[in-house]
């Protein structure tokens, strides 16, 4: 099941259809904080959810998936 954040990444990647894009603003309303700049999507966010789950399991088991 996808969480809101995971679903958001997948939707964003689907909207951009593989084209390069940047995130230019991050807001944390509860802290009245805004960060502006030119940020790229984390490389793992570009993977399918299935691949992200596999990588997380691989890292958590220190590379041993017996």
PDB file of N, CA and C in Angstrom:
ATOM      1  N   UNK A   1       0.842  -1.184   0.000  1.00  0.00           N
ATOM      2  CA  UNK A   1       0.000   0.000   0.000  1.00  0.00           C
ATOM      3  C   UNK A   1       0.889   1.250   0.000  1.00  0.00           C
ATOM      4  N   UNK A   2       0.538   2.229  -0.797  1.00  0.00           N
ATOM      5  CA  UNK A   2       1.334   3.450  -0.896  1.00  0.00           C
ATOM      6  C   UNK A   2       0.894   4.456   0.153  1.00  0.00           C
ATOM      7  N   UNK A   3       1.853   5.107   0.794  1.00  0.00           N
ATOM      8  CA  UNK A   3       1.520   6.205   1.699  1.00  0.00           C
ATOM      9  C   UNK A   3       1.330   7.448   0.852  1.00  0.00           C
ATOM     10  N   UNK A   4       0.886   8.530   1.470  1.00  0.00           N
ATOM     11  CA  UNK A   4       0.677   9.767   0.732  1.00  0.00           C
ATOM     12  C   UNK A   4       1.939  10.269   0.050  1.00  0.00           C
ATOM     13  N   UNK A   5       3.067  10.188   0.748  1.00  0.00           N
ATOM     14  CA  UNK A   5       4.331  10.657   0.176  1.00  0.00           C
ATOM     15  C   UNK A   5       4.747   9.771  -0.986  1.00  0.00           C
ATOM     16  N   UNK A   6       4.669   8.463  -0.790  1.00  0.00           N
ATOM     17  CA  UNK A   6       5.061   7.541  -1.858  1.00  0.00           C
ATOM     18  C   UNK A   6       4.174   7.733  -3.074  1.00  0.00           C
ATOM     19  N   UNK A   7       2.879   7.868  -2.838  1.00  0.00           N
ATOM     20  CA  UNK A   7       1.948   8.073  -3.940  1.00  0.00           C
ATOM     21  C   UNK A   7       2.263   9.386  -4.653  1.00  0.00           C
ATOM     22  N   UNK A   8       2.612  10.419  -3.883  1.00  0.00           N
ATOM     23  CA  UNK A   8       2.954  11.715  -4.470  1.00  0.00           C
ATOM     24  C   UNK A   8       4.162  11.640  -5.388  1.00  0.00           C
ATOM     25  N   UNK A   9       5.209  10.923  -4.957  1.00  0.00           N
ATOM     26  CA  UNK A   9       6.403  10.764  -5.796  1.00  0.00           C
ATOM     27  C   UNK A   9       6.038  10.055  -7.088  1.00  0.00           C
ATOM     28  N   UNK A  10       5.273   8.972  -6.964  1.00  0.00           N
ATOM     29  CA  UNK A  10       4.915   8.197  -8.148  1.00  0.00           C
ATOM     30  C   UNK A  10       4.069   9.035  -9.103  1.00  0.00           C
ATOM     31  N   UNK A  11       3.147   9.817  -8.565  1.00  0.00           N
ATOM     32  CA  UNK A  11       2.304  10.667  -9.415  1.00  0.00           C
ATOM     33  C   UNK A  11       3.151  11.739 -10.101  1.00  0.00           C
ATOM     34  N   UNK A  12       4.053  12.355  -9.357  1.00  0.00           N
ATOM     35  CA  UNK A  12       4.924  13.380  -9.927  1.00  0.00           C
ATOM     36  C   UNK A  12       5.775  12.802 -11.052  1.00  0.00           C
ATOM     37  N   UNK A  13       6.355  11.631 -10.823  1.00  0.00           N
ATOM     38  CA  UNK A  13       7.185  10.998 -11.848  1.00  0.00           C
ATOM     39  C   UNK A  13       6.360  10.617 -13.069  1.00  0.00           C
ATOM     40  N   UNK A  14       5.118  10.218 -12.849  1.00  0.00           N
ATOM     41  CA  UNK A  14       4.264   9.872 -13.985  1.00  0.00           C
ATOM     42  C   UNK A  14       3.887  11.128 -14.779  1.00  0.00           C
ATOM     43  N   UNK A  15       3.651  12.236 -14.098  1.00  0.00           N
ATOM     44  CA  UNK A  15       3.312  13.488 -14.792  1.00  0.00           C
ATOM     45  C   UNK A  15       4.471  14.012 -15.637  1.00  0.00           C
ATOM     46  N   UNK A  16       5.689  13.822 -15.158  1.00  0.00           N
ATOM     47  CA  UNK A  16       6.851  14.341 -15.880  1.00  0.00           C
ATOM     48  C   UNK A  16       7.316  13.399 -16.982  1.00  0.00           C
ATOM     49  N   UNK A  17       6.789  12.184 -17.003  1.00  0.00           N
ATOM     50  CA  UNK A  17       7.048  11.208 -18.079  1.00  0.00           C
ATOM     51  C   UNK A  17       8.533  11.052 -18.408  1.00  0.00           C
ATOM     52  N   UNK A  18       9.358  10.950 -17.383  1.00  0.00           N
ATOM     53  CA  UNK A  18      10.777  10.710 -17.606  1.00  0.00           C
ATOM     54  C   UNK A  18      11.600  11.948 -17.931  1.00  0.00           C
ATOM     55  N   UNK A  19      10.949  13.104 -18.023  1.00  0.00           N
ATOM     56  CA  UNK A  19      11.687  14.344 -18.296  1.00  0.00           C
ATOM     57  C   UNK A  19      12.359  14.830 -17.013  1.00  0.00           C
ATOM     58  N   UNK A  20      13.499  15.485 -17.175  1.00  0.00           N
ATOM     59  CA  UNK A  20      14.225  16.026 -16.026  1.00  0.00           C
ATOM     60  C   UNK A  20      13.433  17.200 -15.447  1.00  0.00           C
ATOM     61  N   UNK A  21      13.368  17.259 -14.121  1.00  0.00           N
ATOM     62  CA  UNK A  21      12.691  18.376 -13.473  1.00  0.00           C
ATOM     63  C   UNK A  21      13.370  18.658 -12.135  1.00  0.00           C
ATOM     64  N   UNK A  22      13.080  19.817 -11.579  1.00  0.00           N
ATOM     65  CA  UNK A  22      13.646  20.223 -10.299  1.00  0.00           C
ATOM     66  C   UNK A  22      12.527  20.662  -9.365  1.00  0.00           C
ATOM     67  N   UNK A  23      12.758  20.475  -8.096  1.00  0.00           N
ATOM     68  CA  UNK A  23      11.870  20.987  -7.063  1.00  0.00           C
ATOM     69  C   UNK A  23      12.518  22.283  -6.594  1.00  0.00           C
ATOM     70  N   UNK A  24      11.748  23.358  -6.552  1.00  0.00           N
ATOM     71  CA  UNK A  24      12.343  24.655  -6.235  1.00  0.00           C
ATOM     72  C   UNK A  24      11.942  25.202  -4.869  1.00  0.00           C
ATOM     73  N   UNK A  25      10.995  24.539  -4.201  1.00  0.00           N
ATOM     74  CA  UNK A  25      10.592  25.041  -2.893  1.00  0.00           C
ATOM     75  C   UNK A  25      10.083  23.889  -2.025  1.00  0.00           C
ATOM     76  N   UNK A  26      10.492  23.909  -0.765  1.00  0.00           N
ATOM     77  CA  UNK A  26      10.014  22.952   0.230  1.00  0.00           C
ATOM     78  C   UNK A  26       9.466  23.772   1.388  1.00  0.00           C
ATOM     79  N   UNK A  27       8.250  23.455   1.822  1.00  0.00           N
ATOM     80  CA  UNK A  27       7.645  24.191   2.926  1.00  0.00           C
ATOM     81  C   UNK A  27       7.296  23.250   4.071  1.00  0.00           C
ATOM     82  N   UNK A  28       7.535  23.735   5.291  1.00  0.00           N
ATOM     83  CA  UNK A  28       7.104  23.043   6.502  1.00  0.00           C
ATOM     84  C   UNK A  28       6.224  24.047   7.248  1.00  0.00           C
ATOM     85  N   UNK A  29       4.918  24.026   6.954  1.00  0.00           N
ATOM     86  CA  UNK A  29       4.014  25.042   7.503  1.00  0.00           C
ATOM     87  C   UNK A  29       3.991  25.106   9.028  1.00  0.00           C
ATOM     88  N   UNK A  30       4.060  23.947   9.704  1.00  0.00           N
ATOM     89  CA  UNK A  30       4.002  23.947  11.171  1.00  0.00           C
ATOM     90  C   UNK A  30       5.133  24.753  11.790  1.00  0.00           C
ATOM     91  N   UNK A  31       6.259  24.823  11.103  1.00  0.00           N
ATOM     92  CA  UNK A  31       7.414  25.562  11.608  1.00  0.00           C
ATOM     93  C   UNK A  31       7.608  26.899  10.895  1.00  0.00           C
ATOM     94  N   UNK A  32       6.663  27.255  10.034  1.00  0.00           N
ATOM     95  CA  UNK A  32       6.768  28.478   9.234  1.00  0.00           C
ATOM     96  C   UNK A  32       8.119  28.539   8.523  1.00  0.00           C
ATOM     97  N   UNK A  33       8.529  27.405   7.949  1.00  0.00           N
ATOM     98  CA  UNK A  33       9.830  27.293   7.300  1.00  0.00           C
ATOM     99  C   UNK A  33       9.651  27.050   5.807  1.00  0.00           C
ATOM    100  N   UNK A  34      10.361  27.828   5.009  1.00  0.00           N
ATOM    101  CA  UNK A  34      10.377  27.639   3.562  1.00  0.00           C
ATOM    102  C   UNK A  34      11.823  27.609   3.107  1.00  0.00           C
ATOM    103  N   UNK A  35      12.160  26.588   2.331  1.00  0.00           N
ATOM    104  CA  UNK A  35      13.506  26.463   1.774  1.00  0.00           C
ATOM    105  C   UNK A  35      13.373  26.559   0.264  1.00  0.00           C
ATOM    106  N   UNK A  36      14.104  27.488  -0.322  1.00  0.00           N
ATOM    107  CA  UNK A  36      14.064  27.650  -1.770  1.00  0.00           C
ATOM    108  C   UNK A  36      15.422  27.320  -2.355  1.00  0.00           C
ATOM    109  N   UNK A  37      15.409  26.742  -3.514  1.00  0.00           N
ATOM    110  CA  UNK A  37      16.641  26.363  -4.189  1.00  0.00           C
ATOM    111  C   UNK A  37      16.303  25.515  -5.396  1.00  0.00           C
ATOM    112  N   UNK A  38      17.267  24.763  -5.859  1.00  0.00           N
ATOM    113  CA  UNK A  38      17.067  23.886  -7.011  1.00  0.00           C
ATOM    114  C   UNK A  38      17.453  22.479  -6.572  1.00  0.00           C
ATOM    115  N   UNK A  39      16.443  21.659  -6.296  1.00  0.00           N
ATOM    116  CA  UNK A  39      16.664  20.321  -5.759  1.00  0.00           C
ATOM    117  C   UNK A  39      16.228  19.270  -6.771  1.00  0.00           C
ATOM    118  N   UNK A  40      17.010  18.205  -6.870  1.00  0.00           N
ATOM    119  CA  UNK A  40      16.631  17.086  -7.725  1.00  0.00           C
ATOM    120  C   UNK A  40      15.929  16.030  -6.880  1.00  0.00           C
ATOM    121  N   UNK A  41      15.122  15.226  -7.527  1.00  0.00           N
ATOM    122  CA  UNK A  41      14.449  14.123  -6.849  1.00  0.00           C
ATOM    123  C   UNK A  41      15.503  13.105  -6.428  1.00  0.00           C
ATOM    124  N   UNK A  42      15.396  12.554  -5.227  1.00  0.00           N
ATOM    125  CA  UNK A  42      16.350  11.523  -4.813  1.00  0.00           C
ATOM    126  C   UNK A  42      16.345  10.356  -5.805  1.00  0.00           C
ATOM    127  N   UNK A  43      17.507   9.796  -6.123  1.00  0.00           N
ATOM    128  CA  UNK A  43      17.577   8.725  -7.127  1.00  0.00           C
ATOM    129  C   UNK A  43      16.654   7.545  -6.839  1.00  0.00           C
ATOM    130  N   UNK A  44      16.523   7.152  -5.565  1.00  0.00           N
ATOM    131  CA  UNK A  44      15.657   6.011  -5.257  1.00  0.00           C
ATOM    132  C   UNK A  44      14.190   6.318  -5.529  1.00  0.00           C
ATOM    133  N   UNK A  45      13.799   7.578  -5.474  1.00  0.00           N
ATOM    134  CA  UNK A  45      12.401   7.940  -5.734  1.00  0.00           C
ATOM    135  C   UNK A  45      12.020   7.680  -7.184  1.00  0.00           C
ATOM    136  N   UNK A  46      13.011   7.607  -8.054  1.00  0.00           N
ATOM    137  CA  UNK A  46      12.737   7.363  -9.466  1.00  0.00           C
ATOM    138  C   UNK A  46      12.503   5.883  -9.764  1.00  0.00           C
ATOM    139  N   UNK A  47      12.792   5.014  -8.801  1.00  0.00           N
ATOM    140  CA  UNK A  47      12.574   3.580  -8.984  1.00  0.00           C
ATOM    141  C   UNK A  47      11.111   3.233  -8.721  1.00  0.00           C
ATOM    142  N   UNK A  48      10.689   2.090  -9.238  1.00  0.00           N
ATOM    143  CA  UNK A  48       9.331   1.622  -8.950  1.00  0.00           C
ATOM    144  C   UNK A  48       9.226   1.327  -7.455  1.00  0.00           C
ATOM    145  N   UNK A  49       7.997   1.312  -6.945  1.00  0.00           N
ATOM    146  CA  UNK A  49       7.801   1.036  -5.526  1.00  0.00           C
ATOM    147  C   UNK A  49       8.326  -0.357  -5.182  1.00  0.00           C
ATOM    148  N   UNK A  50       8.141  -1.313  -6.068  1.00  0.00           N
ATOM    149  CA  UNK A  50       8.642  -2.674  -5.842  1.00  0.00           C
ATOM    150  C   UNK A  50      10.164  -2.668  -5.675  1.00  0.00           C
ATOM    151  N   UNK A  51      10.866  -1.925  -6.531  1.00  0.00           N
ATOM    152  CA  UNK A  51      12.327  -1.848  -6.439  1.00  0.00           C
ATOM    153  C   UNK A  51      12.769  -1.122  -5.168  1.00  0.00           C
ATOM    154  N   UNK A  52      12.025  -0.101  -4.755  1.00  0.00           N
ATOM    155  CA  UNK A  52      12.359   0.613  -3.522  1.00  0.00           C
ATOM    156  C   UNK A  52      12.232  -0.311  -2.314  1.00  0.00           C
ATOM    157  N   UNK A  53      11.191  -1.129  -2.297  1.00  0.00           N
ATOM    158  CA  UNK A  53      10.989  -2.073  -1.195  1.00  0.00           C
ATOM    159  C   UNK A  53      12.118  -3.094  -1.166  1.00  0.00           C
ATOM    160  N   UNK A  54      12.520  -3.584  -2.344  1.00  0.00           N
ATOM    161  CA  UNK A  54      13.620  -4.543  -2.424  1.00  0.00           C
ATOM    162  C   UNK A  54      14.916  -3.932  -1.887  1.00  0.00           C
ATOM    163  N   UNK A  55      15.229  -2.717  -2.308  1.00  0.00           N
ATOM    164  CA  UNK A  55      16.466  -2.062  -1.866  1.00  0.00           C
ATOM    165  C   UNK A  55      16.446  -1.838  -0.354  1.00  0.00           C
ATOM    166  N   UNK A  56      15.299  -1.418   0.181  1.00  0.00           N
ATOM    167  CA  UNK A  56      15.194  -1.213   1.631  1.00  0.00           C
ATOM    168  C   UNK A  56      15.448  -2.525   2.376  1.00  0.00           C
ATOM    169  N   UNK A  57      14.869  -3.620   1.888  1.00  0.00           N
ATOM    170  CA  UNK A  57      15.083  -4.930   2.520  1.00  0.00           C
ATOM    171  C   UNK A  57      16.543  -5.345   2.403  1.00  0.00           C
ATOM    172  N   UNK A  58      17.146  -5.103   1.256  1.00  0.00           N
ATOM    173  CA  UNK A  58      18.547  -5.455   1.018  1.00  0.00           C
ATOM    174  C   UNK A  58      19.461  -4.721   1.995  1.00  0.00           C
ATOM    175  N   UNK A  59      19.207  -3.436   2.176  1.00  0.00           N
ATOM    176  CA  UNK A  59      20.029  -2.631   3.089  1.00  0.00           C
ATOM    177  C   UNK A  59      19.810  -3.066   4.539  1.00  0.00           C
ATOM    178  N   UNK A  60      18.553  -3.297   4.917  1.00  0.00           N
ATOM    179  CA  UNK A  60      18.254  -3.692   6.296  1.00  0.00           C
ATOM    180  C   UNK A  60      18.878  -5.032   6.668  1.00  0.00           C
ATOM    181  N   UNK A  61      19.057  -5.905   5.681  1.00  0.00           N
ATOM    182  CA  UNK A  61      19.641  -7.224   5.960  1.00  0.00           C
ATOM    183  C   UNK A  61      21.131  -7.257   5.642  1.00  0.00           C
ATOM    184  N   UNK A  62      21.721  -6.094   5.434  1.00  0.00           N
ATOM    185  CA  UNK A  62      23.158  -5.981   5.138  1.00  0.00           C
ATOM    186  C   UNK A  62      23.549  -6.794   3.906  1.00  0.00           C
ATOM    187  N   UNK A  63      22.642  -6.849   2.931  1.00  0.00           N
ATOM    188  CA  UNK A  63      22.944  -7.530   1.671  1.00  0.00           C
ATOM    189  C   UNK A  63      22.706  -9.024   1.682  1.00  0.00           C
ATOM    190  N   UNK A  64      22.149  -9.559   2.743  1.00  0.00           N
ATOM    191  CA  UNK A  64      21.892 -10.999   2.820  1.00  0.00           C
ATOM    192  C   UNK A  64      20.390 -11.251   2.732  1.00  0.00           C
ATOM    193  N   UNK A  65      19.938 -11.710   1.575  1.00  0.00           N
ATOM    194  CA  UNK A  65      18.507 -11.964   1.377  1.00  0.00           C
ATOM    195  C   UNK A  65      18.205 -13.457   1.321  1.00  0.00           C
ATOM    196  N   UNK A  66      18.741 -14.207   2.244  1.00  0.00           N
ATOM    197  CA  UNK A  66      18.533 -15.664   2.275  1.00  0.00           C
ATOM    198  C   UNK A  66      17.120 -16.002   2.637  1.00  0.00           C
TER     199      UNK A  66
END
